[in-house]
Amino acid sequence: MPATKKKSEKEDPCWSGYTQEGMKTKDGKKVPNCVPEKKSASKKG
């Protein structure tokens, strides 16, 4: 029987500090589009 992840754990395909923003195509495959998390709103002056 193959090992499975716990259902209670949130499955996050991105590294720590990154968040998924939809999907993108890479080498003909759909992969998660992971972008750095925004700590605060950017201020434009």
C-alpha atoms as a PDB file:
ATOM      1  CA  MET A   1       0.000   0.000   0.000  1.00  0.00           C
ATOM      2  CA  PRO A   2       1.548   3.362  -1.028  1.00  0.00           C
ATOM      3  CA  ALA A   3       2.236   6.001   1.588  1.00  0.00           C
ATOM      4  CA  THR A   4      -0.141   8.964   1.528  1.00  0.00           C
ATOM      5  CA  LYS A   5      -0.007  12.413   3.035  1.00  0.00           C
ATOM      6  CA  LYS A   6      -2.233  13.225   5.978  1.00  0.00           C
ATOM      7  CA  LYS A   7      -5.543  14.708   4.891  1.00  0.00           C
ATOM      8  CA  SER A   8      -5.334  17.255   7.724  1.00  0.00           C
ATOM      9  CA  GLU A   9      -2.167  18.783   6.271  1.00  0.00           C
ATOM     10  CA  LYS A  10      -2.724  21.544   3.743  1.00  0.00           C
ATOM     11  CA  GLU A  11      -1.187  20.483   0.456  1.00  0.00           C
ATOM     12  CA  ASP A  12       0.941  23.432  -0.662  1.00  0.00           C
ATOM     13  CA  PRO A  13       3.080  22.838  -3.742  1.00  0.00           C
ATOM     14  CA  CYS A  14       5.109  26.008  -3.079  1.00  0.00           C
ATOM     15  CA  TRP A  15       8.114  26.558  -0.857  1.00  0.00           C
ATOM     16  CA  SER A  16       7.883  28.375   2.449  1.00  0.00           C
ATOM     17  CA  GLY A  17       7.498  32.101   1.795  1.00  0.00           C
ATOM     18  CA  TYR A  18       5.751  31.539  -1.542  1.00  0.00           C
ATOM     19  CA  THR A  19       2.086  31.364  -2.439  1.00  0.00           C
ATOM     20  CA  GLN A  20       0.339  29.787  -5.415  1.00  0.00           C
ATOM     21  CA  GLU A  21      -1.103  32.234  -7.955  1.00  0.00           C
ATOM     22  CA  GLY A  22      -2.889  29.905 -10.352  1.00  0.00           C
ATOM     23  CA  MET A  23      -1.199  27.584 -12.841  1.00  0.00           C
ATOM     24  CA  LYS A  24       1.336  28.059 -15.632  1.00  0.00           C
ATOM     25  CA  THR A  25       2.635  25.915 -18.482  1.00  0.00           C
ATOM     26  CA  LYS A  26       6.225  24.689 -18.249  1.00  0.00           C
ATOM     27  CA  ASP A  27       7.673  22.255 -20.798  1.00  0.00           C
ATOM     28  CA  GLY A  28       4.134  21.480 -21.981  1.00  0.00           C
ATOM     29  CA  LYS A  29       2.885  20.607 -18.479  1.00  0.00           C
ATOM     30  CA  LYS A  30       0.630  22.556 -16.124  1.00  0.00           C
ATOM     31  CA  VAL A  31       2.507  23.443 -12.935  1.00  0.00           C
ATOM     32  CA  PRO A  32       1.695  25.665  -9.930  1.00  0.00           C
ATOM     33  CA  ASN A  33       2.713  29.301 -10.367  1.00  0.00           C
ATOM     34  CA  CYS A  34       4.474  30.071  -7.073  1.00  0.00           C
ATOM     35  CA  VAL A  35       5.259  33.725  -6.348  1.00  0.00           C
ATOM     36  CA  PRO A  36       6.898  35.347  -3.310  1.00  0.00           C
ATOM     37  CA  GLU A  37       4.399  36.332  -0.616  1.00  0.00           C
ATOM     38  CA  LYS A  38       3.805  40.040  -0.237  1.00  0.00           C
ATOM     39  CA  LYS A  39       4.517  41.076   3.342  1.00  0.00           C
ATOM     40  CA  SER A  40       2.843  44.470   3.023  1.00  0.00           C
ATOM     41  CA  ALA A  41       1.167  46.608   0.381  1.00  0.00           C
ATOM     42  CA  SER A  42       3.669  48.355  -1.838  1.00  0.00           C
ATOM     43  CA  LYS A  43       3.618  52.132  -1.583  1.00  0.00           C
ATOM     44  CA  LYS A  44       3.946  54.075  -4.808  1.00  0.00           C
ATOM     45  CA  GLY A  45       4.916  57.682  -4.330  1.00  0.00           C
END
